[in-house]
Amino acid sequence: MARTPGRPASYNRTFSRDDLLDLATRAFAEKGFSDVSIRRLAAEAGVSDSLFIHHFGSKLKLWREAVDRMIELEFPQLIARLSRHDHTTSPLVLLQDNFAEILRLAQQRPAIFRLLFNELDSGGERADYLKEKYLIPYVTIFDHTIAQCQAQ
């Protein structure tokens, strides 16, 4: 018997690109890069794995977009909090405020830190991406604030 053209019946649920990205973001945060499979993500979503490839290009590109979506709002805010130094706020108060914000973030969004620590531990291209895009800008302003504390 010939197969009817079109989507298999099991793939009749529609997922938007954002839905697929949400699914991948959770999976990368929970399992790590090496334990996530585009085929398994597709099966979980009830879509073909070629749909993931169509939207994201590769597993690495999917990972980058998922990481950016997860982290991008938080790190610029941490940097902005440290950068708001004026003459009325001491650098020590800025550091204390920043530590409190990091602890709040770790409590509310532990997946970010789980992903960061797992990937940084693994080394390689993904660790370099996280360092260059998020950690180095943060550490640079953090070091500057520490230097201001020491100067005072």
N, C-alpha and C. Protein backbone atom coordinates (compact mmCIF):
# COMPACT_ATOMS: atom_id res chain seq x y z
N MET A 1 0.84 -1.17 0.00
CA MET A 1 0.00 0.00 0.00
C MET A 1 0.90 1.25 0.00
N ALA A 2 0.58 2.16 -0.87
CA ALA A 2 1.38 3.39 -0.99
C ALA A 2 1.06 4.35 0.14
N ARG A 3 2.06 5.07 0.55
CA ARG A 3 1.91 6.08 1.61
C ARG A 3 1.25 7.31 1.03
N THR A 4 0.34 7.89 1.78
CA THR A 4 -0.32 9.12 1.36
C THR A 4 0.65 10.28 1.52
N PRO A 5 0.78 11.13 0.51
CA PRO A 5 1.72 12.24 0.64
C PRO A 5 1.29 13.19 1.76
N GLY A 6 2.27 13.91 2.26
CA GLY A 6 1.99 14.89 3.31
C GLY A 6 2.52 14.44 4.66
N ARG A 7 2.15 15.15 5.65
CA ARG A 7 2.60 14.88 7.01
C ARG A 7 1.97 13.63 7.58
N PRO A 8 2.75 12.83 8.31
CA PRO A 8 2.13 11.70 9.01
C PRO A 8 1.10 12.20 10.01
N ALA A 9 0.13 11.39 10.31
CA ALA A 9 -0.95 11.79 11.23
C ALA A 9 -0.42 12.21 12.59
N SER A 10 0.68 11.58 13.04
CA SER A 10 1.22 11.93 14.35
C SER A 10 1.81 13.34 14.38
N TYR A 11 2.03 13.94 13.21
CA TYR A 11 2.63 15.27 13.16
C TYR A 11 1.60 16.36 12.89
N ASN A 12 0.38 16.19 13.33
CA ASN A 12 -0.64 17.17 13.00
C ASN A 12 -0.68 18.34 13.98
N ARG A 13 0.08 18.30 15.03
CA ARG A 13 0.14 19.40 15.98
C ARG A 13 1.10 20.46 15.45
N THR A 14 0.72 21.72 15.55
CA THR A 14 1.60 22.76 15.03
C THR A 14 2.37 23.42 16.17
N PHE A 15 3.64 23.61 15.92
CA PHE A 15 4.54 24.26 16.87
C PHE A 15 5.15 25.45 16.16
N SER A 16 5.19 26.55 16.86
CA SER A 16 5.87 27.72 16.30
C SER A 16 7.37 27.59 16.55
N ARG A 17 8.12 28.42 15.90
CA ARG A 17 9.57 28.45 16.10
C ARG A 17 9.88 28.73 17.58
N ASP A 18 9.12 29.64 18.19
CA ASP A 18 9.32 29.96 19.61
C ASP A 18 9.03 28.75 20.50
N ASP A 19 8.00 27.99 20.15
CA ASP A 19 7.69 26.78 20.93
C ASP A 19 8.85 25.78 20.86
N LEU A 20 9.39 25.61 19.66
CA LEU A 20 10.52 24.69 19.48
C LEU A 20 11.73 25.19 20.27
N LEU A 21 11.95 26.49 20.26
CA LEU A 21 13.08 27.08 20.99
C LEU A 21 12.88 26.92 22.50
N ASP A 22 11.67 27.10 22.98
CA ASP A 22 11.39 26.88 24.41
C ASP A 22 11.70 25.45 24.81
N LEU A 23 11.26 24.52 23.99
CA LEU A 23 11.51 23.11 24.27
C LEU A 23 13.02 22.83 24.31
N ALA A 24 13.75 23.35 23.35
CA ALA A 24 15.19 23.14 23.30
C ALA A 24 15.90 23.81 24.47
N THR A 25 15.45 25.00 24.84
CA THR A 25 16.07 25.72 25.96
C THR A 25 15.95 24.91 27.24
N ARG A 26 14.78 24.39 27.51
CA ARG A 26 14.59 23.56 28.71
C ARG A 26 15.47 22.31 28.65
N ALA A 27 15.52 21.69 27.49
CA ALA A 27 16.30 20.45 27.36
C ALA A 27 17.79 20.72 27.56
N PHE A 28 18.33 21.77 26.96
CA PHE A 28 19.75 22.08 27.13
C PHE A 28 20.07 22.41 28.59
N ALA A 29 19.17 23.13 29.26
CA ALA A 29 19.40 23.49 30.66
C ALA A 29 19.35 22.26 31.56
N GLU A 30 18.45 21.34 31.28
CA GLU A 30 18.28 20.16 32.13
C GLU A 30 19.30 19.07 31.84
N LYS A 31 19.60 18.84 30.55
CA LYS A 31 20.40 17.68 30.17
C LYS A 31 21.81 18.01 29.73
N GLY A 32 22.03 19.23 29.26
CA GLY A 32 23.32 19.57 28.69
C GLY A 32 23.36 19.27 27.20
N PHE A 33 24.29 19.87 26.53
CA PHE A 33 24.38 19.79 25.07
C PHE A 33 24.49 18.36 24.58
N SER A 34 25.40 17.58 25.16
CA SER A 34 25.67 16.24 24.63
C SER A 34 24.49 15.28 24.80
N ASP A 35 23.63 15.52 25.77
CA ASP A 35 22.49 14.63 26.00
C ASP A 35 21.20 15.08 25.32
N VAL A 36 21.29 16.12 24.52
CA VAL A 36 20.12 16.59 23.77
C VAL A 36 20.27 16.15 22.32
N SER A 37 19.20 15.59 21.81
CA SER A 37 19.18 15.14 20.42
C SER A 37 18.06 15.87 19.69
N ILE A 38 18.37 16.36 18.51
CA ILE A 38 17.34 17.03 17.71
C ILE A 38 16.21 16.05 17.39
N ARG A 39 16.55 14.81 17.15
CA ARG A 39 15.52 13.80 16.86
C ARG A 39 14.59 13.61 18.05
N ARG A 40 15.17 13.55 19.26
CA ARG A 40 14.32 13.39 20.46
C ARG A 40 13.48 14.62 20.71
N LEU A 41 14.06 15.81 20.49
CA LEU A 41 13.28 17.05 20.63
C LEU A 41 12.11 17.04 19.65
N ALA A 42 12.40 16.68 18.42
CA ALA A 42 11.36 16.65 17.39
C ALA A 42 10.27 15.65 17.76
N ALA A 43 10.66 14.49 18.24
CA ALA A 43 9.68 13.48 18.63
C ALA A 43 8.82 13.99 19.78
N GLU A 44 9.46 14.67 20.74
CA GLU A 44 8.71 15.22 21.87
C GLU A 44 7.71 16.29 21.41
N ALA A 45 8.12 17.07 20.42
CA ALA A 45 7.24 18.12 19.90
C ALA A 45 6.22 17.57 18.91
N GLY A 46 6.47 16.36 18.43
CA GLY A 46 5.57 15.80 17.43
C GLY A 46 5.76 16.42 16.06
N VAL A 47 7.00 16.80 15.77
CA VAL A 47 7.33 17.38 14.46
C VAL A 47 8.51 16.60 13.88
N SER A 48 8.83 16.85 12.65
CA SER A 48 9.97 16.17 12.04
C SER A 48 11.26 16.86 12.47
N ASP A 49 12.34 16.09 12.53
CA ASP A 49 13.62 16.69 12.89
C ASP A 49 14.10 17.67 11.82
N SER A 50 13.63 17.50 10.61
CA SER A 50 14.01 18.44 9.56
C SER A 50 13.42 19.83 9.81
N LEU A 51 12.33 19.90 10.57
CA LEU A 51 11.76 21.20 10.92
C LEU A 51 12.73 21.96 11.83
N PHE A 52 13.34 21.27 12.79
CA PHE A 52 14.35 21.91 13.64
C PHE A 52 15.52 22.41 12.79
N ILE A 53 15.99 21.57 11.88
CA ILE A 53 17.11 21.95 11.02
C ILE A 53 16.71 23.13 10.14
N HIS A 54 15.50 23.11 9.65
CA HIS A 54 15.01 24.22 8.83
C HIS A 54 15.05 25.54 9.61
N HIS A 55 14.58 25.51 10.86
CA HIS A 55 14.51 26.74 11.66
C HIS A 55 15.86 27.16 12.23
N PHE A 56 16.70 26.21 12.61
CA PHE A 56 17.90 26.56 13.38
C PHE A 56 19.21 26.20 12.70
N GLY A 57 19.19 25.36 11.70
CA GLY A 57 20.40 25.05 10.94
C GLY A 57 21.19 23.87 11.48
N SER A 58 21.47 23.86 12.76
CA SER A 58 22.24 22.77 13.36
C SER A 58 21.97 22.75 14.86
N LYS A 59 22.44 21.71 15.49
CA LYS A 59 22.27 21.60 16.94
C LYS A 59 23.03 22.72 17.65
N LEU A 60 24.22 23.05 17.16
CA LEU A 60 25.01 24.12 17.78
C LEU A 60 24.31 25.48 17.64
N LYS A 61 23.76 25.74 16.48
CA LYS A 61 23.03 27.01 16.29
C LYS A 61 21.78 27.05 17.16
N LEU A 62 21.11 25.92 17.30
CA LEU A 62 19.96 25.83 18.19
C LEU A 62 20.39 26.10 19.62
N TRP A 63 21.51 25.51 20.05
CA TRP A 63 22.04 25.72 21.40
C TRP A 63 22.34 27.20 21.64
N ARG A 64 23.01 27.83 20.68
CA ARG A 64 23.36 29.25 20.84
C ARG A 64 22.11 30.11 21.00
N GLU A 65 21.13 29.86 20.17
CA GLU A 65 19.91 30.65 20.26
C GLU A 65 19.17 30.40 21.58
N ALA A 66 19.18 29.14 22.02
CA ALA A 66 18.53 28.81 23.29
C ALA A 66 19.27 29.48 24.46
N VAL A 67 20.58 29.42 24.44
CA VAL A 67 21.40 30.06 25.49
C VAL A 67 21.19 31.56 25.49
N ASP A 68 21.22 32.16 24.33
CA ASP A 68 21.02 33.61 24.25
C ASP A 68 19.66 33.99 24.80
N ARG A 69 18.67 33.20 24.46
CA ARG A 69 17.32 33.49 24.95
C ARG A 69 17.26 33.39 26.47
N MET A 70 17.97 32.43 27.02
CA MET A 70 17.93 32.20 28.45
C MET A 70 18.73 33.25 29.23
N ILE A 71 19.87 33.64 28.70
CA ILE A 71 20.82 34.46 29.46
C ILE A 71 20.78 35.94 29.10
N GLU A 72 20.41 36.25 27.88
CA GLU A 72 20.58 37.60 27.35
C GLU A 72 19.94 38.70 28.18
N LEU A 73 18.83 38.46 28.79
CA LEU A 73 18.20 39.50 29.61
C LEU A 73 18.92 39.71 30.93
N GLU A 74 19.48 38.64 31.47
CA GLU A 74 20.03 38.70 32.82
C GLU A 74 21.41 39.36 32.90
N PHE A 75 22.33 38.95 32.04
CA PHE A 75 23.69 39.47 32.16
C PHE A 75 23.80 40.96 31.86
N PRO A 76 23.13 41.47 30.84
CA PRO A 76 23.17 42.93 30.66
C PRO A 76 22.62 43.69 31.86
N GLN A 77 21.63 43.12 32.54
CA GLN A 77 21.11 43.77 33.75
C GLN A 77 22.14 43.74 34.87
N LEU A 78 22.85 42.64 35.02
CA LEU A 78 23.90 42.58 36.03
C LEU A 78 25.00 43.60 35.73
N ILE A 79 25.37 43.70 34.48
CA ILE A 79 26.40 44.67 34.08
C ILE A 79 25.89 46.09 34.32
N ALA A 80 24.65 46.35 33.97
CA ALA A 80 24.08 47.69 34.17
C ALA A 80 24.05 48.06 35.65
N ARG A 81 23.75 47.09 36.50
CA ARG A 81 23.71 47.36 37.95
C ARG A 81 25.09 47.76 38.46
N LEU A 82 26.14 47.11 37.95
CA LEU A 82 27.50 47.45 38.37
C LEU A 82 27.97 48.75 37.73
N SER A 83 27.44 49.07 36.58
CA SER A 83 27.91 50.25 35.84
C SER A 83 27.26 51.54 36.29
N ARG A 84 26.29 51.48 37.16
CA ARG A 84 25.57 52.69 37.53
C ARG A 84 26.29 53.51 38.58
N HIS A 85 27.57 53.31 38.68
CA HIS A 85 28.37 54.03 39.68
C HIS A 85 28.27 55.54 39.46
N ASP A 86 27.86 56.20 40.51
CA ASP A 86 27.90 57.65 40.52
C ASP A 86 28.56 58.06 41.83
N HIS A 87 28.65 59.32 42.10
CA HIS A 87 29.39 59.78 43.28
C HIS A 87 28.62 59.54 44.58
N THR A 88 27.35 59.20 44.50
CA THR A 88 26.58 58.99 45.72
C THR A 88 26.54 57.51 46.13
N THR A 89 26.88 56.61 45.22
CA THR A 89 26.85 55.18 45.52
C THR A 89 28.27 54.65 45.56
N SER A 90 28.63 54.03 46.66
CA SER A 90 29.99 53.49 46.76
C SER A 90 30.09 52.20 45.95
N PRO A 91 31.29 51.92 45.44
CA PRO A 91 31.48 50.69 44.68
C PRO A 91 31.20 49.45 45.54
N LEU A 92 31.45 49.53 46.84
CA LEU A 92 31.17 48.41 47.72
C LEU A 92 29.67 48.11 47.77
N VAL A 93 28.86 49.15 47.82
CA VAL A 93 27.41 48.98 47.80
C VAL A 93 26.98 48.36 46.47
N LEU A 94 27.60 48.77 45.38
CA LEU A 94 27.28 48.19 44.07
C LEU A 94 27.61 46.70 44.04
N LEU A 95 28.76 46.32 44.62
CA LEU A 95 29.13 44.91 44.66
C LEU A 95 28.16 44.11 45.53
N GLN A 96 27.81 44.66 46.67
CA GLN A 96 26.85 43.98 47.55
C GLN A 96 25.50 43.80 46.84
N ASP A 97 25.06 44.84 46.18
CA ASP A 97 23.81 44.78 45.43
C ASP A 97 23.90 43.73 44.33
N ASN A 98 25.07 43.66 43.67
CA ASN A 98 25.25 42.71 42.59
C ASN A 98 25.26 41.28 43.10
N PHE A 99 25.92 41.04 44.21
CA PHE A 99 25.91 39.70 44.80
C PHE A 99 24.49 39.28 45.16
N ALA A 100 23.75 40.20 45.74
CA ALA A 100 22.35 39.90 46.09
C ALA A 100 21.54 39.57 44.84
N GLU A 101 21.79 40.30 43.77
CA GLU A 101 21.07 40.05 42.51
C GLU A 101 21.45 38.69 41.92
N ILE A 102 22.72 38.32 42.00
CA ILE A 102 23.16 37.01 41.50
C ILE A 102 22.49 35.90 42.30
N LEU A 103 22.43 36.05 43.62
CA LEU A 103 21.77 35.05 44.45
C LEU A 103 20.28 34.94 44.14
N ARG A 104 19.63 36.09 43.92
CA ARG A 104 18.22 36.08 43.56
C ARG A 104 18.02 35.37 42.22
N LEU A 105 18.88 35.68 41.28
CA LEU A 105 18.80 35.07 39.96
C LEU A 105 19.04 33.56 40.04
N ALA A 106 20.01 33.15 40.85
CA ALA A 106 20.29 31.72 41.00
C ALA A 106 19.10 30.99 41.62
N GLN A 107 18.40 31.66 42.50
CA GLN A 107 17.24 31.04 43.14
C GLN A 107 16.05 30.98 42.16
N GLN A 108 15.84 32.05 41.42
CA GLN A 108 14.68 32.12 40.54
C GLN A 108 14.89 31.41 39.20
N ARG A 109 16.12 31.42 38.71
CA ARG A 109 16.40 30.83 37.39
C ARG A 109 17.64 29.93 37.46
N PRO A 110 17.57 28.87 38.24
CA PRO A 110 18.75 28.01 38.41
C PRO A 110 19.24 27.38 37.11
N ALA A 111 18.36 27.25 36.13
CA ALA A 111 18.76 26.64 34.86
C ALA A 111 19.89 27.42 34.19
N ILE A 112 19.88 28.73 34.36
CA ILE A 112 20.95 29.55 33.76
C ILE A 112 22.30 29.13 34.33
N PHE A 113 22.39 29.01 35.64
CA PHE A 113 23.66 28.69 36.27
C PHE A 113 24.05 27.23 36.03
N ARG A 114 23.08 26.35 36.01
CA ARG A 114 23.35 24.94 35.70
C ARG A 114 23.96 24.85 34.30
N LEU A 115 23.36 25.54 33.35
CA LEU A 115 23.86 25.53 31.98
C LEU A 115 25.25 26.16 31.91
N LEU A 116 25.44 27.31 32.55
CA LEU A 116 26.74 27.97 32.53
C LEU A 116 27.84 27.07 33.09
N PHE A 117 27.61 26.53 34.27
CA PHE A 117 28.64 25.73 34.91
C PHE A 117 28.92 24.44 34.15
N ASN A 118 27.88 23.80 33.65
CA ASN A 118 28.09 22.58 32.87
C ASN A 118 28.89 22.85 31.61
N GLU A 119 28.54 23.90 30.91
CA GLU A 119 29.23 24.19 29.65
C GLU A 119 30.66 24.70 29.88
N LEU A 120 30.84 25.53 30.89
CA LEU A 120 32.18 26.04 31.16
C LEU A 120 33.11 24.91 31.60
N ASP A 121 32.55 23.93 32.29
CA ASP A 121 33.31 22.77 32.71
C ASP A 121 33.77 21.92 31.53
N SER A 122 32.94 21.88 30.50
CA SER A 122 33.24 21.03 29.36
C SER A 122 34.31 21.62 28.45
N GLY A 123 34.53 22.93 28.54
CA GLY A 123 35.51 23.56 27.66
C GLY A 123 35.04 23.58 26.22
N GLY A 124 35.90 23.96 25.33
CA GLY A 124 35.58 23.92 23.91
C GLY A 124 34.83 25.14 23.40
N GLU A 125 34.25 24.96 22.23
CA GLU A 125 33.61 26.06 21.49
C GLU A 125 32.44 26.68 22.25
N ARG A 126 31.62 25.85 22.89
CA ARG A 126 30.47 26.40 23.61
C ARG A 126 30.92 27.20 24.84
N ALA A 127 31.92 26.70 25.54
CA ALA A 127 32.46 27.44 26.69
C ALA A 127 33.05 28.77 26.24
N ASP A 128 33.76 28.75 25.13
CA ASP A 128 34.34 29.99 24.59
C ASP A 128 33.25 30.99 24.23
N TYR A 129 32.18 30.50 23.65
CA TYR A 129 31.06 31.37 23.29
C TYR A 129 30.49 32.05 24.54
N LEU A 130 30.25 31.28 25.59
CA LEU A 130 29.71 31.84 26.83
C LEU A 130 30.67 32.84 27.46
N LYS A 131 31.94 32.51 27.45
CA LYS A 131 32.94 33.42 28.03
C LYS A 131 32.96 34.75 27.28
N GLU A 132 33.06 34.67 25.97
CA GLU A 132 33.19 35.88 25.17
C GLU A 132 31.92 36.74 25.19
N LYS A 133 30.79 36.10 25.10
CA LYS A 133 29.55 36.86 24.98
C LYS A 133 29.01 37.37 26.32
N TYR A 134 29.20 36.59 27.38
CA TYR A 134 28.57 36.95 28.65
C TYR A 134 29.56 37.18 29.80
N LEU A 135 30.47 36.26 29.99
CA LEU A 135 31.30 36.34 31.19
C LEU A 135 32.38 37.41 31.13
N ILE A 136 33.08 37.53 30.02
CA ILE A 136 34.15 38.53 29.94
C ILE A 136 33.61 39.95 30.12
N PRO A 137 32.52 40.33 29.44
CA PRO A 137 31.98 41.68 29.70
C PRO A 137 31.59 41.89 31.16
N TYR A 138 31.02 40.86 31.77
CA TYR A 138 30.62 40.98 33.18
C TYR A 138 31.85 41.08 34.08
N VAL A 139 32.80 40.20 33.89
CA VAL A 139 34.00 40.20 34.74
C VAL A 139 34.80 41.49 34.56
N THR A 140 34.81 42.04 33.37
CA THR A 140 35.53 43.29 33.13
C THR A 140 34.97 44.41 33.99
N ILE A 141 33.67 44.58 34.00
CA ILE A 141 33.06 45.64 34.81
C ILE A 141 33.15 45.29 36.30
N PHE A 142 33.08 44.02 36.63
CA PHE A 142 33.23 43.57 38.01
C PHE A 142 34.62 43.91 38.53
N ASP A 143 35.65 43.60 37.73
CA ASP A 143 37.03 43.93 38.11
C ASP A 143 37.22 45.43 38.28
N HIS A 144 36.60 46.20 37.41
CA HIS A 144 36.68 47.67 37.50
C HIS A 144 36.07 48.15 38.83
N THR A 145 34.96 47.56 39.21
CA THR A 145 34.30 47.94 40.46
C THR A 145 35.14 47.53 41.66
N ILE A 146 35.77 46.38 41.59
CA ILE A 146 36.69 45.94 42.66
C ILE A 146 37.86 46.93 42.78
N ALA A 147 38.39 47.35 41.64
CA ALA A 147 39.50 48.32 41.66
C ALA A 147 39.05 49.63 42.30
N GLN A 148 37.82 50.04 42.03
CA GLN A 148 37.31 51.26 42.67
C GLN A 148 37.20 51.08 44.17
N CYS A 149 36.80 49.92 44.62
CA CYS A 149 36.73 49.64 46.07
C CYS A 149 38.14 49.73 46.68
N GLN A 150 39.09 49.15 46.02
CA GLN A 150 40.45 49.16 46.53
C GLN A 150 41.02 50.58 46.57
N ALA A 151 40.66 51.38 45.58
CA ALA A 151 41.14 52.77 45.55
C ALA A 151 40.57 53.58 46.70
N GLN A 152 39.37 53.24 47.12
CA GLN A 152 38.75 53.98 48.22
C GLN A 152 39.25 53.44 49.54
